[in-house]
Amino acid sequence: MKSIVLLFILFITTCFGASSQDLDVFFSKALFQSPENYAYIENYLAVKGTSLNYKQNEAGKMQGSIEVLLIIAEGDSIKYLDKYELKSPEFEENEERTNFIDLQRIALPKGVYSLEIQVSDKYGVPEQKPIVYEDLIVIDFAKDSILISDIELIESYKPSDTKSTFTKGNMELIPYSSNFFPEEIESFAFYAEVYNTIGILGKDQAFLTNFYLESQDSELKLDTYAGFKRQNAVPVAVMLNKFSIKELPSGNYNLVIEVRDKNNILVSKKKHFFQRSNPNLKLSSENLANIGVGNTFVVNINLDSLNKCIKSLHPISSTSEINYAETQLAISDVELMRKYFYHFWQKRNKLEPERLWLSYNEQVQKVQKEYGTIINSGYETDRGRVYLQYGQPNSVEVVHHAPSSYPYEIWHYYKLGKRSNSKFIFYNPDLVTEEFVILHSNVPGEPYDAAWHYKLQERNTLRDNIDKTMAPIPYGEKALDFYSMPR
């Protein structure tokens, strides 16, 4: 158990957060390979100190405790079972209750396992049910290719001569058990391992490990947040790094780690999703004033074109970028607008910002042709915005002449980041324009309406009860089928 400083905010994808009464815990895990030809899973369990119930211990100090049951099974066979008590740091009654974390490292052979963890407050109320977390573990570290371990996010690290659960080599690593980074956190640290470099590249052969951030939505590389490490082939190559995210705008990102051989050929790649919230980050005109745009692709763009270009960035912009862009559009200072537009692309691709803009502009022209109306440009429509923000859907069901429903389209994405089976329903309730709007989506942050099916049928069906979410299904109506089973 380790005392740590954590911000507990409920936004978890590969991790989880849960609450039972007052107990708040966060869990994450990472898989690593051992030179002894087995793998091991590291389970990180973080507890919010203020969520526990406390009692006075034998030393006269206040102390809380959680009871943990950890089960790993392969089919019907239990391979690992442990029930233990995790105690909080001690403190005087008038002292602050600190957060704490536990790490369990378990060796496992190749296989597919189910993981179950139950957590309860030892001093909680008797009827308080334990928090239960379940996950699937797949262990298959092949030897015929270079592999990267799971990426472990790190809250802090330092050299240590004392061996403990939290040390790897001569470093003490304190895990960060969430994938949400609020504005109070200004640095980002991670740890990963690279395997099989000797067998694939040859002993002592040179290779390069790159790391960088990319937008999770557009997969655009952010060269400002990038680095590399030159290494030679060894049994286990380590990647431990830290960089500032103080100026990283709010948004969804991936940390990407690449391994390239001496010929710069990509031989392995790993991603880890996280979310950044930085609402108070402001772009300043003073900072932009120092950006030179002479001899760049923006220098000959006139004011009218700049207006359209900057407006078209809205679907892929962060909140702070949207706010700043709106200010610049209102002021209409052509030089600052050029600098902002160049800065927008240059920070996403320092070497080839124009190429990135031209590639994006091709998509802008495509959505203009497909979804532009007499009222809005393509990127201003819901369909255009979703297309530019998330990319081309894997399937689209177009129903513009259904017998009883408004015209509608159902878009399906096999995978958005780490989220599978994402869907959008657009419909045209006015029947005059081609202005399709989002009726419903299962993507977090997008409009959600449990009564979408009823509203889709309101063209011919009156709802006698506002609590109803499902309309009678008229003959020939297939919206539910299309939504449940995309073609």
Protein backbone atom coordinates (compact mmCIF):
# COMPACT_ATOMS: atom_id res chain seq x y z
CA MET A 1 0.00 0.00 0.00
CA LYS A 2 1.29 3.42 -0.90
CA SER A 3 0.05 6.86 0.10
CA ILE A 4 -0.48 9.05 -2.95
CA VAL A 5 -2.08 12.23 -4.18
CA LEU A 6 -4.85 11.48 -6.69
CA LEU A 7 -7.72 13.35 -8.27
CA PHE A 8 -10.70 11.03 -8.39
CA ILE A 9 -12.89 11.99 -11.34
CA LEU A 10 -15.26 9.50 -12.90
CA PHE A 11 -14.16 9.10 -16.49
CA ILE A 12 -12.88 5.61 -17.13
CA THR A 13 -12.48 3.49 -20.23
CA THR A 14 -9.79 0.89 -19.60
CA CYS A 15 -10.08 1.62 -15.89
CA PHE A 16 -13.20 1.85 -13.78
CA GLY A 17 -14.58 4.02 -11.04
CA ALA A 18 -17.37 2.97 -8.77
CA SER A 19 -19.23 4.12 -5.73
CA SER A 20 -21.07 2.08 -3.08
CA GLN A 21 -22.40 4.37 -0.38
CA ASP A 22 -19.36 6.60 0.24
CA LEU A 23 -16.63 4.27 -1.00
CA ASP A 24 -14.78 5.47 -4.13
CA VAL A 25 -12.21 3.17 -5.71
CA PHE A 26 -10.43 3.15 -9.04
CA PHE A 27 -8.88 0.17 -10.72
CA SER A 28 -6.56 -0.31 -13.69
CA LYS A 29 -4.30 -3.07 -14.88
CA ALA A 30 -1.31 -3.68 -17.14
CA LEU A 31 0.23 -6.82 -18.64
CA PHE A 32 3.98 -7.38 -18.81
CA GLN A 33 6.22 -10.23 -19.96
CA SER A 34 8.91 -11.89 -17.88
CA PRO A 35 12.24 -13.18 -19.22
CA GLU A 36 11.32 -16.48 -17.49
CA ASN A 37 8.78 -17.12 -20.28
CA TYR A 38 5.62 -16.17 -18.44
CA ALA A 39 3.56 -13.02 -18.16
CA TYR A 40 2.36 -11.12 -15.16
CA ILE A 41 -0.55 -8.82 -14.58
CA GLU A 42 -0.27 -5.76 -12.38
CA ASN A 43 -3.53 -4.72 -10.70
CA TYR A 44 -3.64 -1.15 -9.41
CA LEU A 45 -6.32 -0.36 -6.85
CA ALA A 46 -6.62 3.28 -5.73
CA VAL A 47 -8.86 4.42 -2.89
CA LYS A 48 -10.17 7.90 -2.18
CA GLY A 49 -9.29 8.55 1.45
CA THR A 50 -12.29 10.74 2.22
CA SER A 51 -14.70 8.00 1.09
CA LEU A 52 -13.76 5.51 3.83
CA ASN A 53 -15.14 4.98 7.31
CA TYR A 54 -12.46 5.12 10.01
CA LYS A 55 -11.87 3.70 13.48
CA GLN A 56 -9.25 4.28 16.12
CA ASN A 57 -6.49 1.64 16.00
CA GLU A 58 -4.35 0.25 18.81
CA ALA A 59 -1.92 3.15 18.47
CA GLY A 60 -4.73 5.62 19.11
CA LYS A 61 -4.75 6.90 15.52
CA MET A 62 -7.53 6.88 12.95
CA GLN A 63 -7.31 4.23 10.25
CA GLY A 64 -9.62 2.85 7.58
CA SER A 65 -9.54 -0.51 5.86
CA ILE A 66 -10.97 -2.15 2.77
CA GLU A 67 -11.47 -5.87 2.19
CA VAL A 68 -10.43 -7.15 -1.23
CA LEU A 69 -11.29 -10.43 -2.90
CA LEU A 70 -9.35 -11.13 -6.11
CA ILE A 71 -10.20 -14.10 -8.33
CA ILE A 72 -8.61 -15.13 -11.63
CA ALA A 73 -10.19 -18.07 -13.42
CA GLU A 74 -9.60 -19.97 -16.65
CA GLY A 75 -12.96 -21.36 -17.67
CA ASP A 76 -14.39 -23.05 -14.58
CA SER A 77 -10.98 -23.48 -12.99
CA ILE A 78 -9.78 -20.91 -10.44
CA LYS A 79 -6.11 -20.18 -11.09
CA TYR A 80 -5.59 -17.49 -8.46
CA LEU A 81 -7.54 -16.46 -5.37
CA ASP A 82 -6.56 -13.95 -2.73
CA LYS A 83 -8.53 -12.28 0.03
CA TYR A 84 -6.72 -9.54 1.86
CA GLU A 85 -7.18 -6.39 3.90
CA LEU A 86 -5.79 -3.08 2.69
CA LYS A 87 -5.33 -0.49 5.40
CA SER A 88 -5.20 3.26 4.91
CA PRO A 89 -2.37 5.43 6.23
CA GLU A 90 -2.74 6.35 9.91
CA PHE A 91 -3.61 9.91 10.86
CA GLU A 92 -4.62 12.00 13.83
CA GLU A 93 -8.31 12.80 14.08
CA ASN A 94 -7.80 16.40 12.96
CA GLU A 95 -5.47 15.51 10.06
CA GLU A 96 -6.40 15.23 6.40
CA ARG A 97 -7.45 11.82 5.10
CA THR A 98 -5.09 10.86 2.29
CA ASN A 99 -5.66 8.69 -0.75
CA PHE A 100 -3.76 5.43 -1.10
CA ILE A 101 -3.02 2.75 -3.67
CA ASP A 102 -2.28 -0.97 -3.76
CA LEU A 103 -0.44 -3.00 -6.39
CA GLN A 104 -0.77 -6.75 -6.84
CA ARG A 105 1.58 -8.50 -9.28
CA ILE A 106 0.46 -11.96 -10.40
CA ALA A 107 2.32 -14.36 -12.71
CA LEU A 108 0.23 -16.21 -15.31
CA PRO A 109 1.01 -18.55 -18.23
CA LYS A 110 -0.41 -18.11 -21.72
CA GLY A 111 -4.20 -18.27 -21.74
CA VAL A 112 -7.52 -16.46 -21.55
CA TYR A 113 -8.68 -15.59 -18.04
CA SER A 114 -11.57 -13.88 -16.30
CA LEU A 115 -10.73 -11.40 -13.57
CA GLU A 116 -13.06 -10.49 -10.71
CA ILE A 117 -12.33 -8.06 -7.90
CA GLN A 118 -14.68 -7.34 -5.00
CA VAL A 119 -13.98 -4.37 -2.73
CA SER A 120 -15.83 -3.37 0.45
CA ASP A 121 -15.35 -0.92 3.31
CA LYS A 122 -14.55 -2.96 6.44
CA TYR A 123 -16.14 -0.34 8.68
CA GLY A 124 -19.04 0.48 6.38
CA VAL A 125 -22.68 -0.23 7.10
CA PRO A 126 -23.56 -3.98 7.14
CA GLU A 127 -25.98 -3.74 4.21
CA GLN A 128 -23.38 -2.04 2.05
CA LYS A 129 -22.75 -4.24 -1.00
CA PRO A 130 -19.19 -4.72 -2.27
CA ILE A 131 -18.04 -3.03 -5.46
CA VAL A 132 -17.51 -5.69 -8.12
CA TYR A 133 -15.24 -5.32 -11.13
CA GLU A 134 -14.93 -7.92 -13.89
CA ASP A 135 -12.60 -8.02 -16.87
CA LEU A 136 -11.06 -10.37 -19.43
CA ILE A 137 -7.32 -11.07 -19.55
CA VAL A 138 -5.74 -12.42 -22.74
CA ILE A 139 -2.10 -13.48 -22.43
CA ASP A 140 -0.33 -14.36 -25.66
CA PHE A 141 3.16 -12.91 -25.82
CA ALA A 142 4.43 -14.28 -29.13
CA LYS A 143 8.15 -14.70 -29.77
CA ASP A 144 8.13 -14.13 -33.54
CA SER A 145 7.68 -10.34 -33.43
CA ILE A 146 8.69 -7.31 -31.41
CA LEU A 147 6.06 -6.56 -28.79
CA ILE A 148 5.26 -3.66 -26.49
CA SER A 149 3.75 -4.25 -23.06
CA ASP A 150 0.67 -2.45 -21.85
CA ILE A 151 1.35 1.20 -21.11
CA GLU A 152 1.33 2.01 -17.41
CA LEU A 153 0.46 5.61 -16.53
CA ILE A 154 2.64 6.94 -13.74
CA GLU A 155 1.81 9.54 -11.11
CA SER A 156 5.41 9.91 -9.96
CA TYR A 157 8.73 8.11 -10.11
CA LYS A 158 12.14 8.39 -8.47
CA PRO A 159 15.35 6.37 -8.07
CA SER A 160 15.22 3.87 -5.22
CA ASP A 161 17.73 1.45 -3.72
CA THR A 162 14.99 -0.16 -1.64
CA LYS A 163 13.06 -2.99 -3.27
CA SER A 164 9.28 -2.89 -2.91
CA THR A 165 6.12 -3.78 -4.79
CA PHE A 166 6.35 -0.40 -6.52
CA THR A 167 9.93 -0.72 -7.80
CA LYS A 168 11.06 -1.84 -11.24
CA GLY A 169 14.81 -2.01 -11.61
CA ASN A 170 16.14 0.85 -9.53
CA MET A 171 13.07 3.08 -9.92
CA GLU A 172 10.03 3.47 -7.69
CA LEU A 173 6.94 3.92 -9.88
CA ILE A 174 3.65 5.09 -8.38
CA PRO A 175 0.80 4.24 -10.79
CA TYR A 176 -1.83 6.74 -11.91
CA SER A 177 -5.06 4.72 -11.86
CA SER A 178 -7.27 6.84 -14.10
CA ASN A 179 -7.26 7.92 -17.73
CA PHE A 180 -8.62 11.39 -16.92
CA PHE A 181 -6.21 14.31 -16.51
CA PRO A 182 -7.81 17.46 -15.05
CA GLU A 183 -6.19 20.86 -15.40
CA GLU A 184 -4.59 20.54 -11.93
CA ILE A 185 -2.28 17.86 -13.32
CA GLU A 186 0.41 19.46 -15.46
CA SER A 187 2.64 16.49 -16.30
CA PHE A 188 2.17 13.12 -17.97
CA ALA A 189 4.41 10.14 -17.22
CA PHE A 190 4.34 6.58 -18.50
CA TYR A 191 6.20 3.29 -18.39
CA ALA A 192 6.35 0.48 -20.96
CA GLU A 193 8.58 -2.43 -21.93
CA VAL A 194 9.72 -3.71 -25.33
CA TYR A 195 10.31 -7.43 -25.89
CA ASN A 196 11.99 -9.76 -28.45
CA THR A 197 14.38 -7.18 -29.91
CA ILE A 198 17.34 -9.59 -29.71
CA GLY A 199 15.50 -12.42 -31.44
CA ILE A 200 14.13 -10.22 -34.23
CA LEU A 201 16.83 -7.59 -34.73
CA GLY A 202 19.92 -9.35 -33.37
CA LYS A 203 21.97 -8.80 -30.22
CA ASP A 204 23.01 -5.18 -29.61
CA GLN A 205 21.35 -4.03 -32.85
CA ALA A 206 20.15 -0.43 -32.72
CA PHE A 207 16.50 0.52 -32.80
CA LEU A 208 14.43 3.62 -32.10
CA THR A 209 11.50 4.01 -29.73
CA ASN A 210 9.25 6.98 -30.51
CA PHE A 211 6.42 8.33 -28.40
CA TYR A 212 3.89 11.03 -29.19
CA LEU A 213 0.36 12.18 -28.54
CA GLU A 214 -2.32 12.05 -31.20
CA SER A 215 -5.89 13.28 -31.32
CA GLN A 216 -8.08 10.28 -30.55
CA ASP A 217 -10.77 11.49 -32.93
CA SER A 218 -8.70 12.43 -35.98
CA GLU A 219 -5.47 10.49 -35.24
CA LEU A 220 -3.51 13.66 -36.03
CA LYS A 221 -0.04 13.54 -34.49
CA LEU A 222 0.83 16.39 -32.11
CA ASP A 223 4.53 16.93 -32.71
CA THR A 224 4.78 19.32 -29.77
CA TYR A 225 4.22 16.30 -27.52
CA ALA A 226 6.74 13.83 -28.88
CA GLY A 227 10.11 12.31 -28.13
CA PHE A 228 12.35 9.35 -28.87
CA LYS A 229 14.94 7.07 -27.33
CA ARG A 230 17.74 5.28 -29.17
CA GLN A 231 18.36 1.82 -27.75
CA ASN A 232 20.19 -1.42 -28.47
CA ALA A 233 18.56 -4.83 -28.47
CA VAL A 234 18.35 -6.31 -24.96
CA PRO A 235 16.02 -8.89 -23.35
CA VAL A 236 13.74 -6.15 -21.98
CA ALA A 237 14.03 -2.55 -23.22
CA VAL A 238 12.41 0.03 -20.97
CA MET A 239 10.57 3.21 -21.93
CA LEU A 240 10.08 5.64 -19.01
CA ASN A 241 9.32 9.26 -19.80
CA LYS A 242 7.59 12.38 -18.57
CA PHE A 243 6.49 15.57 -20.32
CA SER A 244 4.38 18.64 -19.59
CA ILE A 245 0.71 18.78 -20.59
CA LYS A 246 0.15 22.21 -19.08
CA GLU A 247 -0.62 23.68 -22.52
CA LEU A 248 -2.47 20.61 -23.86
CA PRO A 249 -6.05 21.63 -24.77
CA SER A 250 -9.09 19.74 -23.56
CA GLY A 251 -9.84 16.68 -25.66
CA ASN A 252 -9.47 12.95 -26.19
CA TYR A 253 -5.97 11.72 -26.95
CA ASN A 254 -3.88 8.60 -27.45
CA LEU A 255 -0.36 8.15 -26.19
CA VAL A 256 1.37 6.27 -29.02
CA ILE A 257 4.59 4.27 -28.67
CA GLU A 258 6.38 3.05 -31.81
CA VAL A 259 9.39 0.81 -32.26
CA ARG A 260 11.35 1.29 -35.49
CA ASP A 261 14.39 -0.64 -36.71
CA LYS A 262 17.64 0.92 -37.90
CA ASN A 263 16.06 1.45 -41.34
CA ASN A 264 13.21 3.41 -39.73
CA ILE A 265 10.71 0.66 -40.54
CA LEU A 266 7.84 0.41 -38.07
CA VAL A 267 7.99 -2.97 -36.30
CA SER A 268 5.62 -2.47 -33.36
CA LYS A 269 3.06 0.04 -32.09
CA LYS A 270 0.94 0.53 -28.97
CA LYS A 271 -1.70 3.11 -27.98
CA HIS A 272 -3.23 4.19 -24.68
CA PHE A 273 -6.31 6.42 -24.50
CA PHE A 274 -6.74 9.30 -22.06
CA GLN A 275 -8.81 12.44 -21.71
CA ARG A 276 -7.55 15.92 -20.89
CA SER A 277 -9.67 18.66 -19.34
CA ASN A 278 -8.02 22.08 -19.56
CA PRO A 279 -10.95 24.52 -19.76
CA ASN A 280 -9.01 27.58 -18.64
CA LEU A 281 -6.26 27.27 -21.24
CA LYS A 282 -6.33 30.40 -23.35
CA LEU A 283 -4.69 31.19 -26.65
CA SER A 284 -3.29 34.69 -26.48
CA SER A 285 -2.78 37.19 -29.27
CA GLU A 286 0.57 37.99 -27.69
CA ASN A 287 1.72 34.41 -28.18
CA LEU A 288 0.42 34.30 -31.73
CA ALA A 289 2.14 37.59 -32.51
CA ASN A 290 5.49 35.79 -32.19
CA ILE A 291 4.58 33.26 -34.87
CA GLY A 292 6.08 33.94 -38.27
CA VAL A 293 3.94 33.04 -41.28
CA GLY A 294 6.05 34.55 -44.05
CA ASN A 295 6.62 32.13 -46.94
CA THR A 296 4.01 29.73 -45.53
CA PHE A 297 0.82 28.46 -47.18
CA VAL A 298 -1.36 30.94 -45.24
CA VAL A 299 0.28 34.14 -46.40
CA ASN A 300 -1.85 34.53 -49.55
CA ILE A 301 -5.20 33.53 -48.06
CA ASN A 302 -7.54 36.53 -48.12
CA LEU A 303 -9.96 37.53 -45.36
CA ASP A 304 -13.09 35.94 -46.84
CA SER A 305 -11.34 32.64 -47.43
CA LEU A 306 -9.78 32.73 -43.96
CA ASN A 307 -13.22 33.13 -42.43
CA LYS A 308 -14.43 30.00 -44.19
CA CYS A 309 -11.24 28.07 -43.45
CA ILE A 310 -11.30 28.84 -39.73
CA LYS A 311 -15.02 28.11 -39.43
CA SER A 312 -14.45 24.73 -41.07
CA LEU A 313 -12.09 23.76 -38.21
CA HIS A 314 -14.93 23.74 -35.67
CA PRO A 315 -15.58 19.95 -35.81
CA ILE A 316 -11.98 19.08 -34.86
CA SER A 317 -11.24 21.98 -32.50
CA SER A 318 -10.97 21.92 -28.72
CA THR A 319 -13.25 24.11 -26.62
CA SER A 320 -10.51 26.69 -26.09
CA GLU A 321 -9.72 26.74 -29.83
CA ILE A 322 -13.39 27.27 -30.68
CA ASN A 323 -13.65 30.17 -28.23
CA TYR A 324 -10.48 31.80 -29.52
CA ALA A 325 -11.47 31.32 -33.16
CA GLU A 326 -14.85 32.95 -32.56
CA THR A 327 -13.07 35.96 -31.05
CA GLN A 328 -10.74 36.24 -34.04
CA LEU A 329 -13.62 35.94 -36.50
CA ALA A 330 -15.40 38.79 -34.72
CA ILE A 331 -12.31 41.03 -34.73
CA SER A 332 -11.40 40.14 -38.35
CA ASP A 333 -7.70 40.94 -37.98
CA VAL A 334 -6.43 39.17 -41.08
CA GLU A 335 -2.82 38.83 -39.83
CA LEU A 336 -3.84 37.32 -36.48
CA MET A 337 -6.29 35.06 -38.27
CA ARG A 338 -3.51 33.82 -40.55
CA LYS A 339 -1.28 33.19 -37.57
CA TYR A 340 -4.03 31.36 -35.72
CA PHE A 341 -4.83 29.21 -38.75
CA TYR A 342 -1.16 28.36 -39.27
CA HIS A 343 -0.67 27.69 -35.55
CA PHE A 344 -3.67 25.33 -35.54
CA TRP A 345 -2.06 23.06 -38.15
CA GLN A 346 1.55 23.62 -37.20
CA LYS A 347 1.04 22.31 -33.66
CA ARG A 348 -0.58 19.18 -35.13
CA ASN A 349 2.19 18.60 -37.65
CA LYS A 350 5.27 20.71 -37.18
CA LEU A 351 6.95 19.51 -40.37
CA GLU A 352 4.05 19.47 -42.84
CA PRO A 353 1.16 21.63 -41.60
CA GLU A 354 0.03 22.45 -45.15
CA ARG A 355 -0.25 18.79 -46.11
CA LEU A 356 -2.44 18.15 -43.09
CA TRP A 357 -4.69 21.11 -43.94
CA LEU A 358 -5.05 20.05 -47.57
CA SER A 359 -5.98 16.54 -46.48
CA TYR A 360 -8.59 17.86 -44.06
CA ASN A 361 -9.90 20.35 -46.62
CA GLU A 362 -10.58 17.47 -49.02
CA GLN A 363 -12.93 16.07 -46.39
CA VAL A 364 -14.50 19.51 -45.89
CA GLN A 365 -15.25 19.71 -49.61
CA LYS A 366 -16.66 16.20 -49.53
CA VAL A 367 -19.12 16.97 -46.71
CA GLN A 368 -20.05 20.22 -48.46
CA LYS A 369 -21.02 18.26 -51.55
CA GLU A 370 -22.85 15.57 -49.59
CA TYR A 371 -24.49 17.50 -46.75
CA GLY A 372 -24.36 21.24 -47.51
CA THR A 373 -27.76 22.96 -47.64
CA ILE A 374 -29.11 26.37 -48.59
CA ILE A 375 -28.96 27.19 -44.88
CA ASN A 376 -25.66 25.74 -43.69
CA SER A 377 -22.29 24.77 -45.09
CA GLY A 378 -21.53 21.05 -44.93
CA TYR A 379 -19.29 21.33 -41.87
CA GLU A 380 -22.04 23.23 -40.02
CA THR A 381 -24.59 20.44 -40.47
CA ASP A 382 -24.85 17.62 -37.96
CA ARG A 383 -23.94 14.99 -40.53
CA GLY A 384 -20.98 17.02 -41.77
CA ARG A 385 -19.73 17.73 -38.26
CA VAL A 386 -19.92 14.06 -37.25
CA TYR A 387 -18.17 12.97 -40.46
CA LEU A 388 -15.30 15.43 -39.93
CA GLN A 389 -14.99 14.75 -36.20
CA TYR A 390 -15.22 10.95 -36.24
CA GLY A 391 -14.41 10.04 -39.83
CA GLN A 392 -16.32 8.08 -42.44
CA PRO A 393 -18.82 5.63 -40.90
CA ASN A 394 -18.43 1.94 -41.65
CA SER A 395 -22.04 1.67 -42.78
CA VAL A 396 -24.89 4.09 -43.52
CA GLU A 397 -28.54 3.11 -43.76
CA VAL A 398 -30.41 5.77 -45.77
CA VAL A 399 -34.21 5.79 -45.49
CA HIS A 400 -35.66 8.97 -47.01
CA HIS A 401 -39.05 7.60 -48.09
CA ALA A 402 -40.35 5.41 -45.26
CA PRO A 403 -44.16 4.95 -45.12
CA SER A 404 -44.68 6.49 -41.68
CA SER A 405 -41.45 7.96 -40.36
CA TYR A 406 -39.53 11.11 -41.06
CA PRO A 407 -36.61 10.71 -43.48
CA TYR A 408 -33.66 9.31 -41.51
CA GLU A 409 -30.15 7.92 -41.70
CA ILE A 410 -28.42 5.54 -39.30
CA TRP A 411 -24.62 5.71 -39.20
CA HIS A 412 -22.60 2.91 -37.68
CA TYR A 413 -18.95 2.94 -36.60
CA TYR A 414 -17.35 -0.40 -35.75
CA LYS A 415 -14.89 1.36 -33.48
CA LEU A 416 -14.37 4.93 -32.25
CA GLY A 417 -11.17 4.88 -30.24
CA LYS A 418 -11.71 2.03 -27.79
CA ARG A 419 -15.48 2.24 -28.01
CA SER A 420 -17.16 -0.35 -30.23
CA ASN A 421 -20.50 -0.33 -32.04
CA SER A 422 -21.10 3.44 -32.06
CA LYS A 423 -24.25 4.73 -33.77
CA PHE A 424 -25.85 8.00 -34.85
CA ILE A 425 -29.44 8.58 -35.97
CA PHE A 426 -30.10 11.67 -38.09
CA TYR A 427 -33.56 12.72 -39.21
CA ASN A 428 -35.29 15.49 -41.15
CA PRO A 429 -38.38 16.58 -39.19
CA ASP A 430 -39.33 19.56 -41.39
CA LEU A 431 -39.60 17.54 -44.64
CA VAL A 432 -38.66 20.65 -46.65
CA THR A 433 -34.92 21.17 -46.39
CA GLU A 434 -32.19 18.56 -46.43
CA GLU A 435 -31.24 19.66 -42.92
CA PHE A 436 -30.85 16.32 -41.12
CA VAL A 437 -30.19 16.72 -37.39
CA ILE A 438 -29.00 14.26 -34.75
CA LEU A 439 -31.93 12.56 -33.09
CA HIS A 440 -30.01 10.06 -30.99
CA SER A 441 -26.54 8.57 -30.47
CA ASN A 442 -24.93 6.11 -28.06
CA VAL A 443 -21.62 8.02 -28.17
CA PRO A 444 -20.80 9.85 -24.90
CA GLY A 445 -21.15 13.61 -25.29
CA GLU A 446 -23.57 13.34 -28.21
CA PRO A 447 -27.38 13.86 -28.00
CA TYR A 448 -29.09 10.86 -26.39
CA ASP A 449 -32.84 10.29 -26.58
CA ALA A 450 -34.39 7.06 -25.31
CA ALA A 451 -37.60 8.01 -27.13
CA TRP A 452 -35.89 8.35 -30.52
CA HIS A 453 -38.05 5.68 -32.13
CA TYR A 454 -41.25 7.45 -31.08
CA LYS A 455 -40.02 10.81 -32.33
CA LEU A 456 -39.04 9.25 -35.63
CA GLN A 457 -42.64 8.07 -36.05
CA GLU A 458 -44.28 11.35 -34.97
CA ARG A 459 -44.82 12.20 -38.60
CA ASN A 460 -47.96 10.02 -38.47
CA THR A 461 -48.15 8.89 -34.83
CA LEU A 462 -49.26 11.08 -31.94
CA ARG A 463 -47.80 10.21 -28.55
CA ASP A 464 -50.52 10.02 -25.90
CA ASN A 465 -48.00 9.57 -23.07
CA ILE A 466 -44.76 11.55 -22.90
CA ASP A 467 -43.15 8.75 -20.89
CA LYS A 468 -43.46 6.31 -23.78
CA THR A 469 -40.19 5.61 -25.54
CA MET A 470 -41.30 3.07 -28.13
CA ALA A 471 -43.87 3.67 -30.84
CA PRO A 472 -46.02 0.99 -32.46
CA ILE A 473 -44.14 -0.43 -35.42
CA PRO A 474 -46.02 0.27 -38.67
CA TYR A 475 -45.89 -2.19 -41.52
CA GLY A 476 -42.65 -1.86 -43.45
CA GLU A 477 -40.88 0.20 -40.77
CA LYS A 478 -37.35 -1.13 -40.15
CA ALA A 479 -35.62 1.60 -38.13
CA LEU A 480 -35.27 -0.60 -35.04
CA ASP A 481 -33.82 -3.43 -37.12
CA PHE A 482 -31.36 -1.11 -38.84
CA TYR A 483 -30.28 0.35 -35.48
CA SER A 484 -29.94 -3.00 -33.70
CA MET A 485 -28.31 -4.85 -36.60
CA PRO A 486 -26.49 -2.43 -38.92
CA ARG A 487 -26.04 -3.72 -42.46
